[in-house]
């Protein structure tokens, strides 16, 4: 679910590299970009046309020991000065040598979109000039122009080259199974919506969120075992929401503290413009934590390899030392999820009585209708390497039973692990499906997720966890809490009196907020004037507890091509939502597995759209390169 400030489609800003005079001394003004544009392109466009002005490359160098002043700006759609270096008149500025730490000299051109310390930020530190960047290396304009922007401009200017590159992308995708059902028929598959190029992101921002996933796994697990918190926080919403009420009713009948649980967790983030809280650095802000039916690891993890093949075709396969791929092309998230299911399966066999006739199974609960992302599910199923069945709630109901020890049997096969790929939305429960869910939850089978884990993923819980005093109950380390909170946006319960000032602010300035329904699954968010109408409708009513007001993320944007089934290629300003994946296997406080992936998976959407669903074509699978 993407939560960001929507990009106007008529705004165009052109950052340039400017030479200024200050006290008769030549000065180089280094410019980062505004929100739009691709790193390395000295322009920003909010349009969707192919006529954006081309990049103009400038190259300057700094000599050792030059005095430097640093400035940053958090203003969007304005030319952003990042660092100002004063050069003695007539000094030679052609030398190019730079080491991490002490600067002997370095390039002085900053890729657009990079701000503060994300760019080549030079500082005067007790008379010595230092270079402060992500990983102790300098990102030069030549480095960037040899990367994504150069490739994008080449295919933009050469229609034949673009068509061939797209064919390479599509055929590579088909060969690797990056396919969706279009339309929803069992025998029709088409290449999934894809970007033509990776997204460029700062490595330090990726590291910050991947390093937090283990803490997020543990946080969500511990919250799920706080019965008082879940019932107190979700009780008001349950009074008007039958879906939450049904889940809480099941939760009340289960002793979750005495069950093994598997969490396959996904945390979603959007890269935000630098601001005061991030000291001018771009940083990822959390959109949500997904606790049930997590997708993307099967298909999204393959897109990095597709992009590598496209880049190779474009004769750009030799990567510059300062731009390296960090896409999930090695499949680490998929491997992680397969490992989690496999270890949970082994845990069941170790701790529970197993029938000797046949080995137990992994039961994958799916929708009755043909699944559009069936291959994403199949890749996870295959990666687990354990015997498995895919069945709907109705099919499970027809043969499901518990034996005297509470073991679950479906079609006379003992179930070791239940993996839900449905059940996160009210429309996915019909007839006796709630009774079937209760049967599963009462069993000794390891659930992924348990009903308690699922409840912890509701927006109300996310809003409560943004408060530091609540986090302290579950995460005793104050440094971890601080780092977690740096990724959080402001959130307020529409039904609470203390939210009144923010609600009034949202009514006056709706473009700064999003109104979200209190559940997982995405969609149904309210923005702009729709937010105003909906907020006025629910304020003071019994429907108010169903909604959470959240600050919009001010996103970093880059240009890319969208390649979608049955549509012409489209060059767009885009926003990337990245996902970090984690797995936790535990019985209350007995945690036997808590692991996360260092590789991320990317979903890319148009900056002019609030919709972010891949299956509807509003978004595409992407990958990243880091700088």
Foldseek 3Di string as FASTA:
>chain_A
DAFFFFQDAAAWAFADWDWDADPNFIKTFEWAAFQAAAFLARIGHSHFDLPPDGRDDDKWKAAFQFAKDADFDQDGSDTTTGIMTTDGPPDDTPDDDQWQFFGRMHIRYWTYLFHHQCTQHWHQDVSGIHTRHQPGDHDHSVQPCLDDSVVVVVCSVDVVLVVVLVVLLQVVQVVLVQWFAVPQDPPHIGHFKAFSAFGEAAPVQLCLVQVLQLVVVQLLLQQLPPLVVLCVLCVLVVVPDVLSVLLVVLVVVFPLLQAKAKWWKKWKWFWFQADVLNPRGTHTATDFMDGALDFCLQNLLQFLVSNLSSCVVVVSNPRDPVWFFQGNNVSVSLLQLLVRLLVLLVVLVVPDDADPPDRAEEEEEDAPGRGRVVSRVVSSVVSVVTHYDYYYLVQCVVAWDADPQQFIAHPNGTHQEYHYNDDFDPVRDDDCSSVSLSSVLSGNHHYRHHSSSQSCRWVSNVQVLLDLVVSCVRDVDVVSSVSNNSNYFHKDQLADPVCVVVLVVCLVPQSFKKKDFTGDDDDPIAGDPRCNVVSVVPRPHSNRRRIMITTGGHHRWYWTWIDRPPDDIIIATKIKMKMWIWMWIANNPRTPDTDTDSHIWIKMAHSNDPDGDRVVPRIHTHGYMHD
